[in-house]
Amino acid sequence: MAKLNYRWHLRKVMASRGMYATTQLRSLLAEQGVELSQSQVYRLIVKQPERLNLRVLMALLDILGCAIDDLIEPVPRAGERRGGTDRQETAMRRPSATEARFGPMRPKPARVLPE
């Protein structure tokens, strides 16, 4: 399960550029070759999208003259601390000589039994 959530700031970015009407954004998207219904544009502005077409995202960045991190702010899920988990830290560290030789499978240490 993903450890990050996000905040969608389209409405705020539009307002900072003096855009308040969905019809205004819809016509600008159409100029970019992105045809969305009025209700789709409304939902895009007022709700946090679960899926977003990359053409739509790129058109929004171009229209608003902003960067992706102006629209999408990653945040930790509620109740979780910010920062890497053990799993993420393990994936990011350099593999040991044994891991490099055997890959993700590690040989099991031998157990010496008394005779």
C-alpha atoms as a PDB file:
ATOM      1  CA  MET A   1       0.000   0.000   0.000  1.00  0.00           C
ATOM      2  CA  ALA A   2       1.293   3.455  -0.867  1.00  0.00           C
ATOM      3  CA  LYS A   3       2.634   5.498   2.020  1.00  0.00           C
ATOM      4  CA  LEU A   4       2.010   8.849   0.332  1.00  0.00           C
ATOM      5  CA  ASN A   5      -1.112  10.772  -0.387  1.00  0.00           C
ATOM      6  CA  TYR A   6      -1.330  14.076  -2.215  1.00  0.00           C
ATOM      7  CA  ARG A   7      -3.048  17.443  -2.224  1.00  0.00           C
ATOM      8  CA  TRP A   8      -4.482  18.790  -5.464  1.00  0.00           C
ATOM      9  CA  HIS A   9      -4.024  22.558  -5.851  1.00  0.00           C
ATOM     10  CA  LEU A  10      -5.616  23.260  -9.249  1.00  0.00           C
ATOM     11  CA  ARG A  11      -8.260  25.607  -7.847  1.00  0.00           C
ATOM     12  CA  LYS A  12      -5.651  27.591  -5.875  1.00  0.00           C
ATOM     13  CA  VAL A  13      -3.275  27.871  -8.849  1.00  0.00           C
ATOM     14  CA  MET A  14      -6.126  28.969 -11.127  1.00  0.00           C
ATOM     15  CA  ALA A  15      -7.189  31.640  -8.618  1.00  0.00           C
ATOM     16  CA  SER A  16      -3.626  32.940  -8.355  1.00  0.00           C
ATOM     17  CA  ARG A  17      -3.788  33.545 -12.115  1.00  0.00           C
ATOM     18  CA  GLY A  18      -7.191  35.237 -11.997  1.00  0.00           C
ATOM     19  CA  MET A  19      -9.112  32.240 -13.366  1.00  0.00           C
ATOM     20  CA  TYR A  20     -12.319  31.470 -11.517  1.00  0.00           C
ATOM     21  CA  ALA A  21     -14.692  29.982 -14.114  1.00  0.00           C
ATOM     22  CA  THR A  22     -14.730  26.395 -15.299  1.00  0.00           C
ATOM     23  CA  THR A  23     -15.741  27.634 -18.768  1.00  0.00           C
ATOM     24  CA  GLN A  24     -12.532  29.637 -18.948  1.00  0.00           C
ATOM     25  CA  LEU A  25     -10.408  26.554 -18.263  1.00  0.00           C
ATOM     26  CA  ARG A  26     -12.497  24.380 -20.571  1.00  0.00           C
ATOM     27  CA  SER A  27     -11.916  26.683 -23.549  1.00  0.00           C
ATOM     28  CA  LEU A  28      -8.169  26.878 -22.833  1.00  0.00           C
ATOM     29  CA  LEU A  29      -7.988  23.086 -22.618  1.00  0.00           C
ATOM     30  CA  ALA A  30      -9.829  22.836 -25.952  1.00  0.00           C
ATOM     31  CA  GLU A  31      -7.208  25.140 -27.515  1.00  0.00           C
ATOM     32  CA  GLN A  32      -4.606  22.608 -26.322  1.00  0.00           C
ATOM     33  CA  GLY A  33      -6.522  19.770 -28.006  1.00  0.00           C
ATOM     34  CA  VAL A  34      -8.037  18.426 -24.779  1.00  0.00           C
ATOM     35  CA  GLU A  35     -11.808  18.100 -25.059  1.00  0.00           C
ATOM     36  CA  LEU A  36     -13.514  17.662 -21.689  1.00  0.00           C
ATOM     37  CA  SER A  37     -17.169  18.109 -20.784  1.00  0.00           C
ATOM     38  CA  GLN A  38     -18.200  20.908 -18.455  1.00  0.00           C
ATOM     39  CA  SER A  39     -18.816  18.406 -15.649  1.00  0.00           C
ATOM     40  CA  GLN A  40     -15.388  16.780 -16.158  1.00  0.00           C
ATOM     41  CA  VAL A  41     -13.671  20.176 -15.904  1.00  0.00           C
ATOM     42  CA  TYR A  42     -15.731  21.018 -12.817  1.00  0.00           C
ATOM     43  CA  ARG A  43     -14.724  17.738 -11.096  1.00  0.00           C
ATOM     44  CA  LEU A  44     -11.088  18.309 -12.119  1.00  0.00           C
ATOM     45  CA  ILE A  45     -11.132  21.673 -10.371  1.00  0.00           C
ATOM     46  CA  VAL A  46     -13.118  20.939  -7.211  1.00  0.00           C
ATOM     47  CA  LYS A  47     -12.165  17.320  -6.477  1.00  0.00           C
ATOM     48  CA  GLN A  48      -8.882  15.539  -6.005  1.00  0.00           C
ATOM     49  CA  PRO A  49      -8.516  13.305  -9.086  1.00  0.00           C
ATOM     50  CA  GLU A  50      -7.795   9.607  -8.586  1.00  0.00           C
ATOM     51  CA  ARG A  51      -6.523   9.246 -12.168  1.00  0.00           C
ATOM     52  CA  LEU A  52      -5.240  11.962 -14.453  1.00  0.00           C
ATOM     53  CA  ASN A  53      -4.470  11.679 -18.135  1.00  0.00           C
ATOM     54  CA  LEU A  54      -0.950  12.921 -18.845  1.00  0.00           C
ATOM     55  CA  ARG A  55      -2.140  14.992 -21.814  1.00  0.00           C
ATOM     56  CA  VAL A  56      -4.544  16.791 -19.480  1.00  0.00           C
ATOM     57  CA  LEU A  57      -1.800  17.306 -16.900  1.00  0.00           C
ATOM     58  CA  MET A  58       0.643  18.673 -19.485  1.00  0.00           C
ATOM     59  CA  ALA A  59      -2.050  20.986 -20.886  1.00  0.00           C
ATOM     60  CA  LEU A  60      -2.787  22.305 -17.374  1.00  0.00           C
ATOM     61  CA  LEU A  61       0.906  22.962 -16.732  1.00  0.00           C
ATOM     62  CA  ASP A  62       1.183  24.833 -20.038  1.00  0.00           C
ATOM     63  CA  ILE A  63      -2.022  26.836 -19.582  1.00  0.00           C
ATOM     64  CA  LEU A  64      -1.198  27.840 -16.017  1.00  0.00           C
ATOM     65  CA  GLY A  65       2.537  28.297 -16.590  1.00  0.00           C
ATOM     66  CA  CYS A  66       3.370  26.251 -13.528  1.00  0.00           C
ATOM     67  CA  ALA A  67       5.363  23.196 -12.492  1.00  0.00           C
ATOM     68  CA  ILE A  68       3.911  19.849 -11.500  1.00  0.00           C
ATOM     69  CA  ASP A  69       4.714  20.419  -7.824  1.00  0.00           C
ATOM     70  CA  ASP A  70       2.549  23.560  -7.906  1.00  0.00           C
ATOM     71  CA  LEU A  71      -0.465  21.346  -8.704  1.00  0.00           C
ATOM     72  CA  ILE A  72       0.393  18.142  -6.843  1.00  0.00           C
ATOM     73  CA  GLU A  73       1.809  18.190  -3.317  1.00  0.00           C
ATOM     74  CA  PRO A  74       2.886  14.809  -1.904  1.00  0.00           C
ATOM     75  CA  VAL A  75       1.939  14.336   1.752  1.00  0.00           C
ATOM     76  CA  PRO A  76       2.192  11.349   4.117  1.00  0.00           C
ATOM     77  CA  ARG A  77      -0.990   9.370   4.707  1.00  0.00           C
ATOM     78  CA  ALA A  78      -2.823  10.209   7.915  1.00  0.00           C
ATOM     79  CA  GLY A  79      -1.262   8.591  10.959  1.00  0.00           C
ATOM     80  CA  GLU A  80       2.084   7.832   9.308  1.00  0.00           C
ATOM     81  CA  ARG A  81       5.385   9.539   9.880  1.00  0.00           C
ATOM     82  CA  ARG A  82       7.154  11.304   7.049  1.00  0.00           C
ATOM     83  CA  GLY A  83      10.376   9.775   5.781  1.00  0.00           C
ATOM     84  CA  GLY A  84      11.538   6.463   4.401  1.00  0.00           C
ATOM     85  CA  THR A  85      10.374   3.155   5.741  1.00  0.00           C
ATOM     86  CA  ASP A  86      12.719   0.273   6.407  1.00  0.00           C
ATOM     87  CA  ARG A  87      11.655  -1.245   3.107  1.00  0.00           C
ATOM     88  CA  GLN A  88      12.422   1.970   1.203  1.00  0.00           C
ATOM     89  CA  GLU A  89      15.749   2.382   2.981  1.00  0.00           C
ATOM     90  CA  THR A  90      16.681  -1.215   2.158  1.00  0.00           C
ATOM     91  CA  ALA A  91      15.823  -0.667  -1.493  1.00  0.00           C
ATOM     92  CA  MET A  92      17.917   2.508  -1.648  1.00  0.00           C
ATOM     93  CA  ARG A  93      21.078   1.249   0.057  1.00  0.00           C
ATOM     94  CA  ARG A  94      23.949  -0.337  -1.834  1.00  0.00           C
ATOM     95  CA  PRO A  95      23.786  -4.162  -1.917  1.00  0.00           C
ATOM     96  CA  SER A  96      26.373  -6.119   0.048  1.00  0.00           C
ATOM     97  CA  ALA A  97      28.802  -8.483  -1.705  1.00  0.00           C
ATOM     98  CA  THR A  98      26.593 -11.446  -0.769  1.00  0.00           C
ATOM     99  CA  GLU A  99      23.455  -9.743  -2.088  1.00  0.00           C
ATOM    100  CA  ALA A 100      25.246  -8.775  -5.288  1.00  0.00           C
ATOM    101  CA  ARG A 101      26.404 -12.377  -5.780  1.00  0.00           C
ATOM    102  CA  PHE A 102      23.179 -14.177  -4.876  1.00  0.00           C
ATOM    103  CA  GLY A 103      20.612 -11.486  -5.640  1.00  0.00           C
ATOM    104  CA  PRO A 104      17.570 -11.191  -3.397  1.00  0.00           C
ATOM    105  CA  MET A 105      17.970 -14.819  -2.275  1.00  0.00           C
ATOM    106  CA  ARG A 106      20.420 -15.215   0.575  1.00  0.00           C
ATOM    107  CA  PRO A 107      21.848 -18.554   1.502  1.00  0.00           C
ATOM    108  CA  LYS A 108      20.592 -19.794   4.829  1.00  0.00           C
ATOM    109  CA  PRO A 109      23.360 -19.921   7.461  1.00  0.00           C
ATOM    110  CA  ALA A 110      24.501 -23.441   8.264  1.00  0.00           C
ATOM    111  CA  ARG A 111      23.538 -24.873  11.628  1.00  0.00           C
ATOM    112  CA  VAL A 112      26.112 -27.173  13.185  1.00  0.00           C
ATOM    113  CA  LEU A 113      24.571 -29.961  15.241  1.00  0.00           C
ATOM    114  CA  PRO A 114      26.490 -31.860  17.900  1.00  0.00           C
ATOM    115  CA  GLU A 115      27.295 -35.495  17.043  1.00  0.00           C
END
